[in-house]
Amino acid sequence: MTVRMLEVGKLPMELLDALLTRYGGHDERLVVGPRVGEDAAVLDMGQRYLVVKSDPITFATDEIGWYVVHINANDLATTGAKPRWMLLTLLLPERKTSTSLVEQIFAQVHEACEELGIALCGGHTEITHGLDRPIAIGLLLGEVERQDLVQTAGVQVGDTVILTKGIAVEGTAVLAREFGQKLEERVGTDLVARGQRFLTSPGISILRDAEIIRQVERPHAMHDPTEGGLATGLWELALASNTRLIIDLEAVHVYPETAAFCQALGLDPLGVLASGALLATAPRDSAQQMVTALDAAGIQAAVIGSVEEGPARVDVKRAGGVEALPTFERDELAQLFG
């Protein structure tokens, strides 16, 4: 029997889908269970839904505590939920962990929780054999009124696809912070310094993006493109809803810093870690109002595509017609860390 060894990064979507189908749990109160494309689980608690998300930070980062809170909060935001309670599992490397490092990480978690109104209510910490860097895993819980729940699978035929900010905010920040010296030699110090600030400006949080969209009207779907970049996020949106997305890549904003870093390191921006952007779908008139409201709030947004009947696929407009959007089995960043 041939054994396939997997690369660093997310499991391939077809493998994950098979595993979740075979082993995923079922319960009468489980409203949204484990499935490709959905950002969080949803449990029926009576008058409202409890939304639950777990996500780790495994790429090296000097802001890991702040990072793990915001990454988990983003996924709750896509459901319309308000993040409320967090548990943190912190795995720390042996012979590399000082009391000051632990204090720094906890201070970062506290700052981010205070900013978002989240209570840190438990978790686990340990010094772990075999690690070369800290790993933080967040478990975040939030609440949403039953009528306000939004799902990735909610995409409807005839919808318009919206993208906030651009690509790839998180990936650009990670590249600037972790490969800054190499990039400075190729693109200059000013560009790298700007990229290092991407965590907060334009920022990886999408809570405000989602809130502004919901103030206009409840969208049919929202999704947080993360590992595997915008391309993977779009494919997840299509697969979750069994629809066909037609995307205009010329409407997708790529930051100059992102383009320069990716060109210097031989990466495709479409497959680079994309937290900071929010995908949403809504009827055409509502979508345009959402874009207008986002722009008025200082958040760049654009209509980047439309939704047609399935089967699930993502196509892009080209001069000669349409062709399938590229897929990425792993995030482009993984080849650098691998």
C-alpha atoms as a PDB file:
ATOM      1  CA  MET A   1       0.000   0.000   0.000  1.00  0.00           C
ATOM      2  CA  THR A   2       1.327   3.442  -0.962  1.00  0.00           C
ATOM      3  CA  VAL A   3       1.463   5.897   1.937  1.00  0.00           C
ATOM      4  CA  ARG A   4       1.093   9.560   1.018  1.00  0.00           C
ATOM      5  CA  MET A   5       3.036  11.960   3.196  1.00  0.00           C
ATOM      6  CA  LEU A   6       1.296  15.294   3.671  1.00  0.00           C
ATOM      7  CA  GLU A   7       2.913  18.725   3.386  1.00  0.00           C
ATOM      8  CA  VAL A   8       2.912  21.509   5.983  1.00  0.00           C
ATOM      9  CA  GLY A   9      -0.406  23.383   6.135  1.00  0.00           C
ATOM     10  CA  LYS A  10      -4.101  22.562   5.980  1.00  0.00           C
ATOM     11  CA  LEU A  11      -5.243  19.067   5.079  1.00  0.00           C
ATOM     12  CA  PRO A  12      -6.288  18.789   1.415  1.00  0.00           C
ATOM     13  CA  MET A  13      -9.966  19.732   1.137  1.00  0.00           C
ATOM     14  CA  GLU A  14     -11.047  16.397  -0.339  1.00  0.00           C
ATOM     15  CA  LEU A  15      -9.329  14.491   2.498  1.00  0.00           C
ATOM     16  CA  LEU A  16     -10.791  16.760   5.172  1.00  0.00           C
ATOM     17  CA  ASP A  17     -14.267  16.474   3.661  1.00  0.00           C
ATOM     18  CA  ALA A  18     -14.022  12.666   3.661  1.00  0.00           C
ATOM     19  CA  LEU A  19     -12.844  12.605   7.283  1.00  0.00           C
ATOM     20  CA  LEU A  20     -15.564  14.959   8.496  1.00  0.00           C
ATOM     21  CA  THR A  21     -18.225  12.993   6.617  1.00  0.00           C
ATOM     22  CA  ARG A  22     -17.003   9.725   8.125  1.00  0.00           C
ATOM     23  CA  TYR A  23     -16.240  10.832  11.669  1.00  0.00           C
ATOM     24  CA  GLY A  24     -18.099  14.120  12.268  1.00  0.00           C
ATOM     25  CA  GLY A  25     -20.460  14.237  15.236  1.00  0.00           C
ATOM     26  CA  HIS A  26     -24.251  14.503  15.074  1.00  0.00           C
ATOM     27  CA  ASP A  27     -26.586  15.886  17.713  1.00  0.00           C
ATOM     28  CA  GLU A  28     -30.093  17.325  17.615  1.00  0.00           C
ATOM     29  CA  ARG A  29     -28.797  20.632  19.008  1.00  0.00           C
ATOM     30  CA  LEU A  30     -25.895  20.876  16.549  1.00  0.00           C
ATOM     31  CA  VAL A  31     -27.089  23.512  14.061  1.00  0.00           C
ATOM     32  CA  VAL A  32     -23.834  23.829  12.125  1.00  0.00           C
ATOM     33  CA  GLY A  33     -21.451  20.911  12.458  1.00  0.00           C
ATOM     34  CA  PRO A  34     -18.054  20.023  11.003  1.00  0.00           C
ATOM     35  CA  ARG A  35     -17.968  20.719   7.275  1.00  0.00           C
ATOM     36  CA  VAL A  36     -15.554  22.234   4.779  1.00  0.00           C
ATOM     37  CA  GLY A  37     -16.002  25.986   4.465  1.00  0.00           C
ATOM     38  CA  GLU A  38     -17.883  26.738   7.671  1.00  0.00           C
ATOM     39  CA  ASP A  39     -15.900  28.951  10.039  1.00  0.00           C
ATOM     40  CA  ALA A  40     -17.416  27.812  13.352  1.00  0.00           C
ATOM     41  CA  ALA A  41     -19.729  25.291  14.995  1.00  0.00           C
ATOM     42  CA  VAL A  42     -23.192  26.420  16.123  1.00  0.00           C
ATOM     43  CA  LEU A  43     -25.162  24.928  19.028  1.00  0.00           C
ATOM     44  CA  ASP A  44     -28.836  25.568  19.836  1.00  0.00           C
ATOM     45  CA  MET A  45     -29.076  26.885  23.402  1.00  0.00           C
ATOM     46  CA  GLY A  46     -32.768  27.796  23.288  1.00  0.00           C
ATOM     47  CA  GLN A  47     -33.366  31.530  22.837  1.00  0.00           C
ATOM     48  CA  ARG A  48     -30.032  32.017  21.082  1.00  0.00           C
ATOM     49  CA  TYR A  49     -27.206  30.093  19.465  1.00  0.00           C
ATOM     50  CA  LEU A  50     -23.798  29.399  21.008  1.00  0.00           C
ATOM     51  CA  VAL A  51     -21.019  29.708  18.397  1.00  0.00           C
ATOM     52  CA  VAL A  52     -17.716  27.912  19.033  1.00  0.00           C
ATOM     53  CA  LYS A  53     -14.381  28.182  17.249  1.00  0.00           C
ATOM     54  CA  SER A  54     -10.887  26.769  17.795  1.00  0.00           C
ATOM     55  CA  ASP A  55      -7.846  27.972  15.863  1.00  0.00           C
ATOM     56  CA  PRO A  56      -4.081  27.863  16.483  1.00  0.00           C
ATOM     57  CA  ILE A  57      -1.239  30.207  15.680  1.00  0.00           C
ATOM     58  CA  THR A  58       1.583  28.039  14.346  1.00  0.00           C
ATOM     59  CA  PHE A  59       3.490  30.401  12.084  1.00  0.00           C
ATOM     60  CA  ALA A  60       6.153  32.199  14.109  1.00  0.00           C
ATOM     61  CA  THR A  61       5.077  35.645  15.257  1.00  0.00           C
ATOM     62  CA  ASP A  62       6.187  38.148  17.855  1.00  0.00           C
ATOM     63  CA  GLU A  63       2.542  39.079  18.560  1.00  0.00           C
ATOM     64  CA  ILE A  64       1.259  35.543  19.120  1.00  0.00           C
ATOM     65  CA  GLY A  65      -0.983  36.374  22.114  1.00  0.00           C
ATOM     66  CA  TRP A  66      -2.725  39.286  20.399  1.00  0.00           C
ATOM     67  CA  TYR A  67      -2.873  37.286  17.195  1.00  0.00           C
ATOM     68  CA  VAL A  68      -4.627  34.189  18.588  1.00  0.00           C
ATOM     69  CA  VAL A  69      -7.508  36.240  19.989  1.00  0.00           C
ATOM     70  CA  HIS A  70      -8.168  38.157  16.778  1.00  0.00           C
ATOM     71  CA  ILE A  71      -7.878  35.121  14.487  1.00  0.00           C
ATOM     72  CA  ASN A  72     -10.514  33.240  16.468  1.00  0.00           C
ATOM     73  CA  ALA A  73     -12.740  36.327  16.798  1.00  0.00           C
ATOM     74  CA  ASN A  74     -12.723  36.732  13.020  1.00  0.00           C
ATOM     75  CA  ASP A  75     -14.342  33.346  12.507  1.00  0.00           C
ATOM     76  CA  LEU A  76     -17.075  34.122  15.017  1.00  0.00           C
ATOM     77  CA  ALA A  77     -17.718  37.430  13.272  1.00  0.00           C
ATOM     78  CA  THR A  78     -18.547  35.629  10.017  1.00  0.00           C
ATOM     79  CA  THR A  79     -21.534  33.992  11.747  1.00  0.00           C
ATOM     80  CA  GLY A  80     -22.875  37.272  13.122  1.00  0.00           C
ATOM     81  CA  ALA A  81     -21.926  36.239  16.672  1.00  0.00           C
ATOM     82  CA  LYS A  82     -20.457  38.413  19.400  1.00  0.00           C
ATOM     83  CA  PRO A  83     -17.286  36.843  20.893  1.00  0.00           C
ATOM     84  CA  ARG A  84     -17.620  36.450  24.680  1.00  0.00           C
ATOM     85  CA  TRP A  85     -15.440  33.768  26.334  1.00  0.00           C
ATOM     86  CA  MET A  86     -12.002  32.385  25.506  1.00  0.00           C
ATOM     87  CA  LEU A  87      -9.885  29.442  26.596  1.00  0.00           C
ATOM     88  CA  LEU A  88      -6.201  29.452  25.687  1.00  0.00           C
ATOM     89  CA  THR A  89      -3.840  26.497  25.276  1.00  0.00           C
ATOM     90  CA  LEU A  90      -0.237  27.662  25.216  1.00  0.00           C
ATOM     91  CA  LEU A  91       2.535  25.224  24.278  1.00  0.00           C
ATOM     92  CA  LEU A  92       6.001  26.614  24.951  1.00  0.00           C
ATOM     93  CA  PRO A  93       9.427  25.332  23.804  1.00  0.00           C
ATOM     94  CA  GLU A  94      11.800  23.784  26.318  1.00  0.00           C
ATOM     95  CA  ARG A  95      15.028  25.663  27.086  1.00  0.00           C
ATOM     96  CA  LYS A  96      13.680  28.681  25.159  1.00  0.00           C
ATOM     97  CA  THR A  97      10.912  29.849  27.499  1.00  0.00           C
ATOM     98  CA  SER A  98      11.558  32.572  30.055  1.00  0.00           C
ATOM     99  CA  THR A  99       9.153  34.023  32.583  1.00  0.00           C
ATOM    100  CA  SER A 100       9.292  37.309  30.680  1.00  0.00           C
ATOM    101  CA  LEU A 101       8.191  35.554  27.449  1.00  0.00           C
ATOM    102  CA  VAL A 102       5.190  33.987  29.192  1.00  0.00           C
ATOM    103  CA  GLU A 103       4.308  37.328  30.785  1.00  0.00           C
ATOM    104  CA  GLN A 104       4.527  39.019  27.376  1.00  0.00           C
ATOM    105  CA  ILE A 105       2.194  36.517  25.707  1.00  0.00           C
ATOM    106  CA  PHE A 106      -0.391  36.726  28.501  1.00  0.00           C
ATOM    107  CA  ALA A 107      -0.262  40.532  28.370  1.00  0.00           C
ATOM    108  CA  GLN A 108      -0.915  40.400  24.619  1.00  0.00           C
ATOM    109  CA  VAL A 109      -3.892  38.068  25.126  1.00  0.00           C
ATOM    110  CA  HIS A 110      -5.268  40.356  27.838  1.00  0.00           C
ATOM    111  CA  GLU A 111      -4.926  43.451  25.664  1.00  0.00           C
ATOM    112  CA  ALA A 112      -6.745  41.829  22.730  1.00  0.00           C
ATOM    113  CA  CYS A 113      -9.499  40.409  24.963  1.00  0.00           C
ATOM    114  CA  GLU A 114     -10.046  43.803  26.590  1.00  0.00           C
ATOM    115  CA  GLU A 115     -10.247  45.422  23.161  1.00  0.00           C
ATOM    116  CA  LEU A 116     -12.954  43.005  21.965  1.00  0.00           C
ATOM    117  CA  GLY A 117     -14.903  42.538  25.206  1.00  0.00           C
ATOM    118  CA  ILE A 118     -13.825  38.916  25.672  1.00  0.00           C
ATOM    119  CA  ALA A 119     -13.281  37.193  29.030  1.00  0.00           C
ATOM    120  CA  LEU A 120     -10.282  34.850  29.273  1.00  0.00           C
ATOM    121  CA  CYS A 121     -11.827  32.085  31.364  1.00  0.00           C
ATOM    122  CA  GLY A 122      -9.449  29.126  31.277  1.00  0.00           C
ATOM    123  CA  GLY A 123      -7.156  26.902  29.245  1.00  0.00           C
ATOM    124  CA  HIS A 124      -3.826  25.148  29.681  1.00  0.00           C
ATOM    125  CA  THR A 125      -0.129  26.052  29.556  1.00  0.00           C
ATOM    126  CA  GLU A 126       2.958  23.835  29.443  1.00  0.00           C
ATOM    127  CA  ILE A 127       6.578  23.611  28.373  1.00  0.00           C
ATOM    128  CA  THR A 128       6.503  21.065  25.539  1.00  0.00           C
ATOM    129  CA  HIS A 129       9.309  18.818  24.286  1.00  0.00           C
ATOM    130  CA  GLY A 130      10.215  19.094  20.601  1.00  0.00           C
ATOM    131  CA  LEU A 131       8.977  22.623  19.883  1.00  0.00           C
ATOM    132  CA  ASP A 132      11.211  25.339  18.479  1.00  0.00           C
ATOM    133  CA  ARG A 133       8.694  28.168  19.019  1.00  0.00           C
ATOM    134  CA  PRO A 134       5.507  28.897  21.010  1.00  0.00           C
ATOM    135  CA  ILE A 135       2.184  27.584  19.714  1.00  0.00           C
ATOM    136  CA  ALA A 136      -1.048  29.226  20.884  1.00  0.00           C
ATOM    137  CA  ILE A 137      -4.440  27.560  20.421  1.00  0.00           C
ATOM    138  CA  GLY A 138      -7.576  29.519  21.116  1.00  0.00           C
ATOM    139  CA  LEU A 139     -11.066  28.216  21.860  1.00  0.00           C
ATOM    140  CA  LEU A 140     -13.552  31.059  21.558  1.00  0.00           C
ATOM    141  CA  LEU A 141     -17.259  31.060  22.332  1.00  0.00           C
ATOM    142  CA  GLY A 142     -19.839  33.654  21.397  1.00  0.00           C
ATOM    143  CA  GLU A 143     -23.569  34.202  21.039  1.00  0.00           C
ATOM    144  CA  VAL A 144     -25.911  35.155  18.224  1.00  0.00           C
ATOM    145  CA  GLU A 145     -29.665  35.590  18.052  1.00  0.00           C
ATOM    146  CA  ARG A 146     -31.286  32.758  16.119  1.00  0.00           C
ATOM    147  CA  GLN A 147     -32.575  35.008  13.326  1.00  0.00           C
ATOM    148  CA  ASP A 148     -29.188  36.688  12.889  1.00  0.00           C
ATOM    149  CA  LEU A 149     -27.070  33.581  12.193  1.00  0.00           C
ATOM    150  CA  VAL A 150     -25.034  33.711   8.966  1.00  0.00           C
ATOM    151  CA  GLN A 151     -23.463  30.627   7.372  1.00  0.00           C
ATOM    152  CA  THR A 152     -20.893  30.109   4.627  1.00  0.00           C
ATOM    153  CA  ALA A 153     -23.393  27.682   3.077  1.00  0.00           C
ATOM    154  CA  GLY A 154     -25.969  30.464   2.800  1.00  0.00           C
ATOM    155  CA  VAL A 155     -24.735  31.705  -0.605  1.00  0.00           C
ATOM    156  CA  GLN A 156     -27.645  32.043  -3.064  1.00  0.00           C
ATOM    157  CA  VAL A 157     -27.778  32.000  -6.848  1.00  0.00           C
ATOM    158  CA  GLY A 158     -27.883  35.595  -8.094  1.00  0.00           C
ATOM    159  CA  ASP A 159     -25.813  36.942  -5.195  1.00  0.00           C
ATOM    160  CA  THR A 160     -22.930  39.361  -5.614  1.00  0.00           C
ATOM    161  CA  VAL A 161     -19.561  38.573  -3.984  1.00  0.00           C
ATOM    162  CA  ILE A 162     -17.930  41.294  -1.849  1.00  0.00           C
ATOM    163  CA  LEU A 163     -14.317  41.424  -0.665  1.00  0.00           C
ATOM    164  CA  THR A 164     -13.226  43.833   2.076  1.00  0.00           C
ATOM    165  CA  LYS A 165      -9.738  45.320   2.300  1.00  0.00           C
ATOM    166  CA  GLY A 166      -7.616  43.207  -0.068  1.00  0.00           C
ATOM    167  CA  ILE A 167      -5.095  40.363  -0.195  1.00  0.00           C
ATOM    168  CA  ALA A 168      -3.137  39.195   1.693  1.00  0.00           C
ATOM    169  CA  VAL A 169      -3.062  41.286   4.874  1.00  0.00           C
ATOM    170  CA  GLU A 170      -1.942  38.631   7.351  1.00  0.00           C
ATOM    171  CA  GLY A 171       0.494  37.005   4.952  1.00  0.00           C
ATOM    172  CA  THR A 172       2.105  40.347   4.188  1.00  0.00           C
ATOM    173  CA  ALA A 173       2.613  41.040   7.894  1.00  0.00           C
ATOM    174  CA  VAL A 174       4.097  37.579   8.505  1.00  0.00           C
ATOM    175  CA  LEU A 175       6.462  37.916   5.549  1.00  0.00           C
ATOM    176  CA  ALA A 176       7.665  41.341   6.705  1.00  0.00           C
ATOM    177  CA  ARG A 177       8.149  40.220  10.312  1.00  0.00           C
ATOM    178  CA  GLU A 178       9.671  36.788   9.731  1.00  0.00           C
ATOM    179  CA  PHE A 179      11.641  37.365   6.517  1.00  0.00           C
ATOM    180  CA  GLY A 180      12.326  41.075   6.891  1.00  0.00           C
ATOM    181  CA  GLN A 181      16.100  40.914   6.433  1.00  0.00           C
ATOM    182  CA  LYS A 182      15.847  38.920   3.212  1.00  0.00           C
ATOM    183  CA  LEU A 183      13.114  41.215   1.896  1.00  0.00           C
ATOM    184  CA  GLU A 184      14.971  44.409   2.773  1.00  0.00           C
ATOM    185  CA  GLU A 185      17.796  43.306   0.482  1.00  0.00           C
ATOM    186  CA  ARG A 186      15.326  42.906  -2.382  1.00  0.00           C
ATOM    187  CA  VAL A 187      12.592  45.533  -1.930  1.00  0.00           C
ATOM    188  CA  GLY A 188      14.028  48.067   0.543  1.00  0.00           C
ATOM    189  CA  THR A 189      13.532  48.932   4.198  1.00  0.00           C
ATOM    190  CA  ASP A 190      10.576  51.316   3.744  1.00  0.00           C
ATOM    191  CA  LEU A 191       8.368  48.684   2.120  1.00  0.00           C
ATOM    192  CA  VAL A 192       9.245  46.091   4.764  1.00  0.00           C
ATOM    193  CA  ALA A 193       8.514  48.567   7.581  1.00  0.00           C
ATOM    194  CA  ARG A 194       5.072  49.243   6.093  1.00  0.00           C
ATOM    195  CA  GLY A 195       4.422  45.511   5.785  1.00  0.00           C
ATOM    196  CA  GLN A 196       5.293  44.961   9.447  1.00  0.00           C
ATOM    197  CA  ARG A 197       2.452  47.313  10.400  1.00  0.00           C
ATOM    198  CA  PHE A 198      -0.145  45.339   8.424  1.00  0.00           C
ATOM    199  CA  LEU A 199      -1.310  43.462  11.564  1.00  0.00           C
ATOM    200  CA  THR A 200      -2.983  46.679  12.714  1.00  0.00           C
ATOM    201  CA  SER A 201      -3.130  48.796   9.535  1.00  0.00           C
ATOM    202  CA  PRO A 202      -5.077  47.804   7.468  1.00  0.00           C
ATOM    203  CA  GLY A 203      -5.365  45.179  10.215  1.00  0.00           C
ATOM    204  CA  ILE A 204      -6.224  41.486  10.420  1.00  0.00           C
ATOM    205  CA  SER A 205      -9.468  41.990  12.364  1.00  0.00           C
ATOM    206  CA  ILE A 206     -12.715  41.756  10.370  1.00  0.00           C
ATOM    207  CA  LEU A 207     -15.136  42.341  13.257  1.00  0.00           C
ATOM    208  CA  ARG A 208     -15.876  45.896  12.155  1.00  0.00           C
ATOM    209  CA  ASP A 209     -16.207  44.819   8.501  1.00  0.00           C
ATOM    210  CA  ALA A 210     -18.809  42.207   9.440  1.00  0.00           C
ATOM    211  CA  GLU A 211     -20.673  44.585  11.750  1.00  0.00           C
ATOM    212  CA  ILE A 212     -20.998  47.281   9.080  1.00  0.00           C
ATOM    213  CA  ILE A 213     -22.248  44.749   6.519  1.00  0.00           C
ATOM    214  CA  ARG A 214     -24.865  43.419   8.957  1.00  0.00           C
ATOM    215  CA  GLN A 215     -26.014  46.963   9.765  1.00  0.00           C
ATOM    216  CA  VAL A 216     -27.038  47.374   6.126  1.00  0.00           C
ATOM    217  CA  GLU A 217     -28.762  43.996   5.888  1.00  0.00           C
ATOM    218  CA  ARG A 218     -28.184  40.415   6.959  1.00  0.00           C
ATOM    219  CA  PRO A 219     -25.901  38.971   4.244  1.00  0.00           C
ATOM    220  CA  HIS A 220     -26.626  35.548   2.803  1.00  0.00           C
ATOM    221  CA  ALA A 221     -23.101  34.367   3.633  1.00  0.00           C
ATOM    222  CA  MET A 222     -19.805  35.514   5.139  1.00  0.00           C
ATOM    223  CA  HIS A 223     -16.454  33.726   5.128  1.00  0.00           C
ATOM    224  CA  ASP A 224     -12.979  34.385   6.515  1.00  0.00           C
ATOM    225  CA  PRO A 225     -10.268  33.447   3.974  1.00  0.00           C
ATOM    226  CA  THR A 226      -7.204  32.324   5.920  1.00  0.00           C
ATOM    227  CA  GLU A 227      -4.746  29.536   5.109  1.00  0.00           C
ATOM    228  CA  GLY A 228      -4.514  28.957   1.376  1.00  0.00           C
ATOM    229  CA  GLY A 229      -5.378  32.588   0.701  1.00  0.00           C
ATOM    230  CA  LEU A 230      -8.252  34.164  -1.182  1.00  0.00           C
ATOM    231  CA  ALA A 231      -8.307  31.325  -3.714  1.00  0.00           C
ATOM    232  CA  THR A 232      -8.942  28.691  -1.035  1.00  0.00           C
ATOM    233  CA  GLY A 233     -11.503  30.937   0.675  1.00  0.00           C
ATOM    234  CA  LEU A 234     -13.476  31.279  -2.564  1.00  0.00           C
ATOM    235  CA  TRP A 235     -13.369  27.527  -3.211  1.00  0.00           C
ATOM    236  CA  GLU A 236     -14.577  26.893   0.358  1.00  0.00           C
ATOM    237  CA  LEU A 237     -17.448  29.337  -0.199  1.00  0.00           C
ATOM    238  CA  ALA A 238     -18.450  27.526  -3.397  1.00  0.00           C
ATOM    239  CA  LEU A 239     -18.133  24.043  -1.886  1.00  0.00           C
ATOM    240  CA  ALA A 240     -20.101  24.908   1.244  1.00  0.00           C
ATOM    241  CA  SER A 241     -23.022  26.246  -0.811  1.00  0.00           C
ATOM    242  CA  ASN A 242     -22.694  24.063  -3.947  1.00  0.00           C
ATOM    243  CA  THR A 243     -22.661  27.126  -6.201  1.00  0.00           C
ATOM    244  CA  ARG A 244     -20.497  28.455  -9.012  1.00  0.00           C
ATOM    245  CA  LEU A 245     -18.614  31.702  -8.396  1.00  0.00           C
ATOM    246  CA  ILE A 246     -17.523  33.911 -11.297  1.00  0.00           C
ATOM    247  CA  ILE A 247     -14.687  36.153 -10.078  1.00  0.00           C
ATOM    248  CA  ASP A 248     -13.156  39.246 -11.672  1.00  0.00           C
ATOM    249  CA  LEU A 249      -9.548  39.201 -10.458  1.00  0.00           C
ATOM    250  CA  GLU A 250      -9.005  42.760 -11.699  1.00  0.00           C
ATOM    251  CA  ALA A 251     -11.434  43.881  -8.988  1.00  0.00           C
ATOM    252  CA  VAL A 252      -9.374  42.184  -6.251  1.00  0.00           C
ATOM    253  CA  HIS A 253      -7.130  44.672  -4.483  1.00  0.00           C
ATOM    254  CA  VAL A 254      -3.516  43.522  -4.041  1.00  0.00           C
ATOM    255  CA  TYR A 255      -1.470  45.803  -1.802  1.00  0.00           C
ATOM    256  CA  PRO A 256       1.812  47.082  -3.304  1.00  0.00           C
ATOM    257  CA  GLU A 257       3.690  45.612  -0.326  1.00  0.00           C
ATOM    258  CA  THR A 258       2.061  42.213  -0.924  1.00  0.00           C
ATOM    259  CA  ALA A 259       2.850  42.245  -4.621  1.00  0.00           C
ATOM    260  CA  ALA A 260       6.475  43.235  -4.014  1.00  0.00           C
ATOM    261  CA  PHE A 261       7.063  40.630  -1.288  1.00  0.00           C
ATOM    262  CA  CYS A 262       5.466  37.831  -3.291  1.00  0.00           C
ATOM    263  CA  GLN A 263       7.432  38.705  -6.423  1.00  0.00           C
ATOM    264  CA  ALA A 264      10.681  38.797  -4.444  1.00  0.00           C
ATOM    265  CA  LEU A 265      10.027  35.395  -2.847  1.00  0.00           C
ATOM    266  CA  GLY A 266       8.322  33.647  -5.762  1.00  0.00           C
ATOM    267  CA  LEU A 267       4.864  33.397  -4.164  1.00  0.00           C
ATOM    268  CA  ASP A 268       1.373  33.739  -5.658  1.00  0.00           C
ATOM    269  CA  PRO A 269      -0.644  36.369  -3.696  1.00  0.00           C
ATOM    270  CA  LEU A 270      -3.863  34.406  -4.322  1.00  0.00           C
ATOM    271  CA  GLY A 271      -2.544  31.575  -2.141  1.00  0.00           C
ATOM    272  CA  VAL A 272      -1.031  33.621   0.699  1.00  0.00           C
ATOM    273  CA  LEU A 273      -2.532  33.692   4.219  1.00  0.00           C
ATOM    274  CA  ALA A 274      -5.448  36.098   3.877  1.00  0.00           C
ATOM    275  CA  SER A 275      -6.864  37.001   7.317  1.00  0.00           C
ATOM    276  CA  GLY A 276      -7.898  40.637   7.314  1.00  0.00           C
ATOM    277  CA  ALA A 277     -10.204  40.262   4.327  1.00  0.00           C
ATOM    278  CA  LEU A 278     -13.866  39.308   4.593  1.00  0.00           C
ATOM    279  CA  LEU A 279     -15.871  37.580   1.868  1.00  0.00           C
ATOM    280  CA  ALA A 280     -19.621  38.173   1.847  1.00  0.00           C
ATOM    281  CA  THR A 281     -22.492  37.555  -0.542  1.00  0.00           C
ATOM    282  CA  ALA A 282     -25.787  39.401  -0.835  1.00  0.00           C
ATOM    283  CA  PRO A 283     -28.312  40.447  -3.515  1.00  0.00           C
ATOM    284  CA  ARG A 284     -26.838  42.974  -5.954  1.00  0.00           C
ATOM    285  CA  ASP A 285     -28.578  46.115  -4.610  1.00  0.00           C
ATOM    286  CA  SER A 286     -27.810  45.232  -0.998  1.00  0.00           C
ATOM    287  CA  ALA A 287     -24.211  44.388  -1.856  1.00  0.00           C
ATOM    288  CA  GLN A 288     -23.659  47.807  -3.387  1.00  0.00           C
ATOM    289  CA  GLN A 289     -25.092  49.465  -0.276  1.00  0.00           C
ATOM    290  CA  MET A 290     -22.714  47.373   1.845  1.00  0.00           C
ATOM    291  CA  VAL A 291     -19.719  48.472  -0.226  1.00  0.00           C
ATOM    292  CA  THR A 292     -20.818  52.108   0.100  1.00  0.00           C
ATOM    293  CA  ALA A 293     -21.196  51.781   3.892  1.00  0.00           C
ATOM    294  CA  LEU A 294     -17.783  50.135   4.218  1.00  0.00           C
ATOM    295  CA  ASP A 295     -16.132  52.841   2.133  1.00  0.00           C
ATOM    296  CA  ALA A 296     -17.813  55.518   4.268  1.00  0.00           C
ATOM    297  CA  ALA A 297     -16.320  53.863   7.362  1.00  0.00           C
ATOM    298  CA  GLY A 298     -12.843  53.917   5.824  1.00  0.00           C
ATOM    299  CA  ILE A 299     -12.754  50.203   4.961  1.00  0.00           C
ATOM    300  CA  GLN A 300     -11.877  49.462   1.367  1.00  0.00           C
ATOM    301  CA  ALA A 301     -14.343  47.077  -0.287  1.00  0.00           C
ATOM    302  CA  ALA A 302     -15.283  45.956  -3.784  1.00  0.00           C
ATOM    303  CA  VAL A 303     -17.655  43.738  -5.680  1.00  0.00           C
ATOM    304  CA  ILE A 304     -15.446  40.977  -7.100  1.00  0.00           C
ATOM    305  CA  GLY A 305     -17.890  38.494  -8.586  1.00  0.00           C
ATOM    306  CA  SER A 306     -21.279  36.873  -8.927  1.00  0.00           C
ATOM    307  CA  VAL A 307     -22.954  33.577  -8.057  1.00  0.00           C
ATOM    308  CA  GLU A 308     -24.516  31.105 -10.490  1.00  0.00           C
ATOM    309  CA  GLU A 309     -26.043  27.651 -10.156  1.00  0.00           C
ATOM    310  CA  GLY A 310     -23.667  24.818  -9.241  1.00  0.00           C
ATOM    311  CA  PRO A 311     -22.051  22.372  -9.208  1.00  0.00           C
ATOM    312  CA  ALA A 312     -19.445  23.891  -6.922  1.00  0.00           C
ATOM    313  CA  ARG A 313     -16.582  25.601  -8.727  1.00  0.00           C
ATOM    314  CA  VAL A 314     -14.801  28.954  -8.974  1.00  0.00           C
ATOM    315  CA  ASP A 315     -14.070  30.504 -12.361  1.00  0.00           C
ATOM    316  CA  VAL A 316     -12.249  33.719 -13.223  1.00  0.00           C
ATOM    317  CA  LYS A 317     -12.924  36.089 -16.095  1.00  0.00           C
ATOM    318  CA  ARG A 318     -10.259  36.224 -18.774  1.00  0.00           C
ATOM    319  CA  ALA A 319     -10.074  38.058 -22.092  1.00  0.00           C
ATOM    320  CA  GLY A 320     -10.856  34.839 -23.919  1.00  0.00           C
ATOM    321  CA  GLY A 321     -13.598  33.673 -21.557  1.00  0.00           C
ATOM    322  CA  VAL A 322     -13.468  32.010 -18.157  1.00  0.00           C
ATOM    323  CA  GLU A 323     -11.163  29.444 -16.568  1.00  0.00           C
ATOM    324  CA  ALA A 324     -10.943  27.729 -13.195  1.00  0.00           C
ATOM    325  CA  LEU A 325      -9.359  29.673 -10.346  1.00  0.00           C
ATOM    326  CA  PRO A 326      -6.073  28.048  -9.258  1.00  0.00           C
ATOM    327  CA  THR A 327      -6.181  25.883  -6.139  1.00  0.00           C
ATOM    328  CA  PHE A 328      -3.504  25.668  -3.443  1.00  0.00           C
ATOM    329  CA  GLU A 329      -3.108  22.444  -1.486  1.00  0.00           C
ATOM    330  CA  ARG A 330      -1.149  24.400   1.093  1.00  0.00           C
ATOM    331  CA  ASP A 331      -0.595  28.057   1.859  1.00  0.00           C
ATOM    332  CA  GLU A 332       2.184  29.681  -0.124  1.00  0.00           C
ATOM    333  CA  LEU A 333       3.849  30.690   3.158  1.00  0.00           C
ATOM    334  CA  ALA A 334       4.206  27.041   4.141  1.00  0.00           C
ATOM    335  CA  GLN A 335       6.942  26.484   1.566  1.00  0.00           C
ATOM    336  CA  LEU A 336       9.040  29.172   3.294  1.00  0.00           C
ATOM    337  CA  PHE A 337       8.523  27.778   6.789  1.00  0.00           C
ATOM    338  CA  GLY A 338       8.858  24.196   5.522  1.00  0.00           C
END
